[in-house]
Protein backbone atom coordinates (compact mmCIF):
# COMPACT_ATOMS: atom_id res chain seq x y z
CA UNK A 1 -0.10 -0.08 0.03
CA UNK A 2 1.35 3.45 -1.13
CA UNK A 3 1.89 6.01 1.42
CA UNK A 4 -1.01 8.38 0.06
CA UNK A 5 -3.19 5.35 0.41
CA UNK A 6 -2.07 4.71 4.06
CA UNK A 7 -2.67 8.61 4.73
CA UNK A 8 -6.21 8.22 3.58
CA UNK A 9 -7.30 5.08 5.00
CA UNK A 10 -5.99 6.42 8.43
CA UNK A 11 -8.02 9.84 7.94
CA UNK A 12 -11.09 7.87 7.00
CA UNK A 13 -11.06 6.13 10.09
CA UNK A 14 -10.19 8.85 12.55
CA UNK A 15 -13.35 10.42 10.90
CA UNK A 16 -15.36 8.11 11.50
CA UNK A 17 -14.18 7.77 15.29
CA UNK A 18 -14.61 11.42 15.63
CA UNK A 19 -17.96 11.86 13.95
CA UNK A 20 -19.98 8.46 15.34
CA UNK A 21 -23.23 10.19 15.18
CA UNK A 22 -22.77 11.22 11.36
CA UNK A 23 -21.82 7.53 10.42
CA UNK A 24 -25.07 6.59 12.05
CA UNK A 25 -27.15 9.20 9.99
CA UNK A 26 -25.64 8.36 7.10
CA UNK A 27 -26.56 4.60 7.51
CA UNK A 28 -30.28 5.24 8.78
CA UNK A 29 -31.49 4.90 5.62
CA UNK A 30 -30.43 1.14 5.54
CA UNK A 31 -31.15 0.59 8.82
CA UNK A 32 -34.79 1.72 8.70
CA UNK A 33 -35.41 -0.34 5.88
CA UNK A 34 -34.00 -3.91 7.42
CA UNK A 35 -35.75 -2.75 10.61
CA UNK A 36 -39.09 -1.21 9.55
CA UNK A 37 -38.31 2.00 11.21
CA UNK A 38 -36.11 4.72 11.91
CA UNK A 39 -35.05 6.14 15.17
CA UNK A 40 -36.72 9.92 15.32
CA UNK A 41 -33.65 10.74 17.65
CA UNK A 42 -31.23 10.24 14.65
CA UNK A 43 -33.45 13.69 12.97
CA UNK A 44 -34.59 15.48 15.40
CA UNK A 45 -37.48 13.51 16.57
CA UNK A 46 -38.41 12.15 19.78
CA UNK A 47 -40.28 9.63 21.84
CA UNK A 48 -42.19 11.59 23.89
CA UNK A 49 -45.41 13.51 21.95
CA UNK A 50 -45.93 16.91 22.56
CA UNK A 51 -49.33 16.97 24.74
CA UNK A 52 -48.16 20.41 25.92
CA UNK A 53 -44.93 22.67 24.54
CA UNK A 54 -42.64 20.84 26.82
CA UNK A 55 -44.36 17.95 28.04
CA UNK A 56 -45.82 14.81 26.79
CA UNK A 57 -46.81 10.97 26.27
CA UNK A 58 -44.23 8.30 25.73
CA UNK A 59 -44.63 6.72 22.06
CA UNK A 60 -44.20 3.20 23.74
CA UNK A 61 -45.28 0.55 20.70
CA UNK A 62 -44.01 0.56 16.95
CA UNK A 63 -45.62 -1.54 14.23
CA UNK A 64 -42.68 -1.75 11.97
CA UNK A 65 -42.95 -1.38 8.48
CA UNK A 66 -42.16 -5.12 8.00
CA UNK A 67 -45.56 -5.92 8.88
CA UNK A 68 -48.82 -6.79 6.64
CA UNK A 69 -48.67 -3.85 4.21
CA UNK A 70 -52.82 -3.81 4.62
CA UNK A 71 -51.95 -3.11 8.76
CA UNK A 72 -49.93 -0.09 7.34
CA UNK A 73 -52.46 1.67 5.68
CA UNK A 74 -54.81 3.94 7.43
CA UNK A 75 -57.99 1.45 7.13
CA UNK A 76 -55.83 -1.59 7.55
CA UNK A 77 -54.70 0.18 11.02
CA UNK A 78 -58.61 0.92 11.86
CA UNK A 79 -59.34 -2.52 11.36
CA UNK A 80 -56.49 -4.47 13.00
CA UNK A 81 -57.17 -1.92 16.00
CA UNK A 82 -60.63 -3.63 16.18
CA UNK A 83 -59.17 -6.92 16.07
CA UNK A 84 -57.33 -6.14 19.44
CA UNK A 85 -60.15 -4.68 21.24
CA UNK A 86 -60.17 -1.00 20.09
CA UNK A 87 -62.37 1.25 17.65
CA UNK A 88 -63.12 4.37 16.96
CA UNK A 89 -64.17 7.50 19.21
CA UNK A 90 -67.39 7.51 20.55
CA UNK A 91 -70.24 8.70 17.62
CA UNK A 92 -67.19 9.54 15.96
CA UNK A 93 -66.56 12.33 17.82
CA UNK A 94 -63.21 13.52 19.35
CA UNK A 95 -62.61 14.39 22.90
CA UNK A 96 -59.78 15.80 24.36
CA UNK A 97 -56.34 18.03 23.03
CA UNK A 98 -54.86 16.59 19.96
CA UNK A 99 -51.56 15.85 20.70
CA UNK A 100 -48.37 16.12 18.18
CA UNK A 101 -45.73 14.25 17.47
CA UNK A 102 -42.13 14.52 15.44
CA UNK A 103 -41.12 11.23 14.06
CA UNK A 104 -37.93 12.37 12.31
CA UNK A 105 -39.37 12.19 9.02
CA UNK A 106 -39.21 15.51 7.83
CA UNK A 107 -42.81 16.40 8.68
CA UNK A 108 -42.13 18.22 11.90
CA UNK A 109 -44.74 18.10 14.64
CA UNK A 110 -47.53 16.83 13.04
CA UNK A 111 -51.06 15.79 14.65
CA UNK A 112 -52.20 12.39 15.86
CA UNK A 113 -54.05 10.57 12.61
CA UNK A 114 -55.77 8.09 14.54
CA UNK A 115 -57.51 7.88 18.27
CA UNK A 116 -58.55 4.51 19.08
CA UNK A 117 -60.13 3.58 22.54
CA UNK A 118 -60.73 0.31 24.00
CA UNK A 119 -64.20 -1.36 22.76
CA UNK A 120 -66.20 -3.37 25.47
CA UNK A 121 -69.22 -4.34 23.56
CA UNK A 122 -70.99 -4.39 20.54
CA UNK A 123 -73.30 -1.12 21.12
CA UNK A 124 -71.40 2.27 21.92
CA UNK A 125 -68.61 0.15 23.28
CA UNK A 126 -66.35 3.27 23.06
CA UNK A 127 -68.56 5.46 24.95
CA UNK A 128 -68.08 2.88 27.80
CA UNK A 129 -64.42 3.49 27.57
CA UNK A 130 -64.89 7.46 27.79
CA UNK A 131 -67.04 7.25 30.87
CA UNK A 132 -65.69 4.22 33.17
CA UNK A 133 -62.19 5.08 31.41
CA UNK A 134 -59.52 1.97 29.97
CA UNK A 135 -57.16 1.66 27.04
CA UNK A 136 -56.71 4.21 24.51
CA UNK A 137 -53.87 4.92 21.81
CA UNK A 138 -52.95 7.54 19.55
CA UNK A 139 -51.01 6.72 16.12
CA UNK A 140 -48.58 8.88 14.13
CA UNK A 141 -47.35 7.44 10.51
CA UNK A 142 -43.61 7.54 9.77
CA UNK A 143 -44.19 8.65 5.88
CA UNK A 144 -41.82 11.88 5.53
CA UNK A 145 -38.98 12.27 3.01
CA UNK A 146 -36.45 11.81 5.48
CA UNK A 147 -37.77 8.42 6.73
CA UNK A 148 -40.34 6.83 4.82
CA UNK A 149 -40.64 3.43 6.55
CA UNK A 150 -44.28 3.43 6.89
CA UNK A 151 -44.13 2.32 10.38
CA UNK A 152 -47.38 3.43 13.08
CA UNK A 153 -46.05 5.14 16.36
CA UNK A 154 -48.65 4.50 18.95
CA UNK A 155 -48.62 6.28 22.41
CA UNK A 156 -50.60 3.66 24.48
CA UNK A 157 -52.08 4.11 27.63
CA UNK A 158 -54.85 3.17 30.38
CA UNK A 159 -56.77 6.40 31.36
CA UNK A 160 -59.18 6.90 34.56
CA UNK A 161 -62.93 7.44 34.38
CA UNK A 162 -64.44 10.90 33.43
CA UNK A 163 -64.82 11.14 37.20
CA UNK A 164 -61.02 11.90 37.37
CA UNK A 165 -61.50 13.66 34.13
CA UNK A 166 -59.69 11.07 31.89
CA UNK A 167 -56.32 11.53 33.82
CA UNK A 168 -53.73 8.72 33.02
CA UNK A 169 -54.04 5.95 35.43
CA UNK A 170 -51.00 5.50 37.78
CA UNK A 171 -48.79 3.11 36.10
CA UNK A 172 -51.06 3.98 32.88
CA UNK A 173 -48.67 4.16 30.43
CA UNK A 174 -46.85 0.71 31.11
CA UNK A 175 -50.56 -0.90 31.61
CA UNK A 176 -51.54 0.13 28.16
CA UNK A 177 -48.64 -0.91 26.41
CA UNK A 178 -48.54 -3.83 27.89
CA UNK A 179 -52.57 -4.36 27.44
CA UNK A 180 -52.13 -3.61 23.39
CA UNK A 181 -48.86 -5.91 23.03
CA UNK A 182 -50.59 -9.00 24.69
CA UNK A 183 -53.52 -8.88 22.78
CA UNK A 184 -51.53 -8.42 19.30
CA UNK A 185 -49.11 -11.25 20.57
CA UNK A 186 -52.30 -13.93 21.13
CA UNK A 187 -53.49 -13.32 18.00
CA UNK A 188 -56.23 -11.52 16.48
CA UNK A 189 -59.08 -11.63 13.87
CA UNK A 190 -61.62 -9.25 12.76
CA UNK A 191 -64.26 -10.07 10.10
CA UNK A 192 -62.00 -12.46 7.27
CA UNK A 193 -58.62 -11.31 8.31
CA UNK A 194 -56.67 -12.64 11.06
CA UNK A 195 -53.04 -11.61 12.23
CA UNK A 196 -50.14 -12.51 14.93
CA UNK A 197 -48.18 -10.17 15.91
CA UNK A 198 -44.18 -10.74 16.94
CA UNK A 199 -42.50 -8.64 19.65
CA UNK A 200 -38.97 -7.19 20.18
CA UNK A 201 -38.64 -4.96 23.20
CA UNK A 202 -35.90 -1.94 23.10
CA UNK A 203 -35.13 -0.64 26.76
CA UNK A 204 -32.53 2.30 24.40
CA UNK A 205 -35.39 4.25 23.12
CA UNK A 206 -37.07 6.07 26.20
CA UNK A 207 -35.52 7.24 29.60
CA UNK A 208 -36.73 5.86 32.30
CA UNK A 209 -38.69 7.87 34.71
CA UNK A 210 -41.19 10.63 34.46
CA UNK A 211 -38.90 13.46 33.23
CA UNK A 212 -41.09 15.29 30.46
CA UNK A 213 -43.64 12.99 30.76
CA UNK A 214 -47.11 14.36 30.78
CA UNK A 215 -49.00 14.13 34.51
CA UNK A 216 -45.16 13.26 35.81
CA UNK A 217 -46.45 9.51 35.55
CA UNK A 218 -43.16 7.78 35.71
CA UNK A 219 -43.06 5.01 32.82
CA UNK A 220 -40.50 2.02 32.54
CA UNK A 221 -38.82 3.28 29.29
CA UNK A 222 -39.77 0.07 27.32
CA UNK A 223 -41.27 0.18 23.78
CA UNK A 224 -42.33 -2.60 21.88
CA UNK A 225 -41.60 -3.30 18.22
CA UNK A 226 -44.57 -5.20 17.11
CA UNK A 227 -44.33 -6.97 13.03
CA UNK A 228 -47.37 -7.72 12.84
CA UNK A 229 -47.98 -10.66 10.27
CA UNK A 230 -51.27 -12.04 8.34
CA UNK A 231 -52.57 -15.41 9.49
């Protein structure tokens, strides 16, 4: 190897060590393709939504872009949500504040695209959740120009009843997430479609605790990455 080539190789190695974040960003497109989603933090996003200008609720479930293509559509997510015990809001009316999230996909902070509530029984099932409390989730799709993975990022939680103004239940972020994951992994069906999810748990995406978290409710820092497959 010539002296010039040795110098070039040494320079590239030193640059890689000195700029680890840049190296991650440069490989992020390939990472997103392999994993089915891109870490929002690589492009200035975060794993807390924006409930207020400073505080948010954890994005604690990801439906990977490697999932059944139909589930990655808006209609498909609605049907999949019904299969695991959720449905649209009571009488199709939205209650509460819109949440925003930055998924690091180039779209900046965008409003929730779907809010689903636990569906207790066939008639007015989500209306009961609005009164009695239960599990619900908000969803955003990672579909911008910087990260078009197609993955859904969900903020899942369990809330208390209307007498307590739908505040998140103690430990509600962990409880809501675990309830959804249990139903997804167990397998589900809606009409003529059946699904079953694989889950990978990540502990390196959210910081455990209550710092910056809405209502000051601590969460355990675990994020469930689901790959939903058609059966």
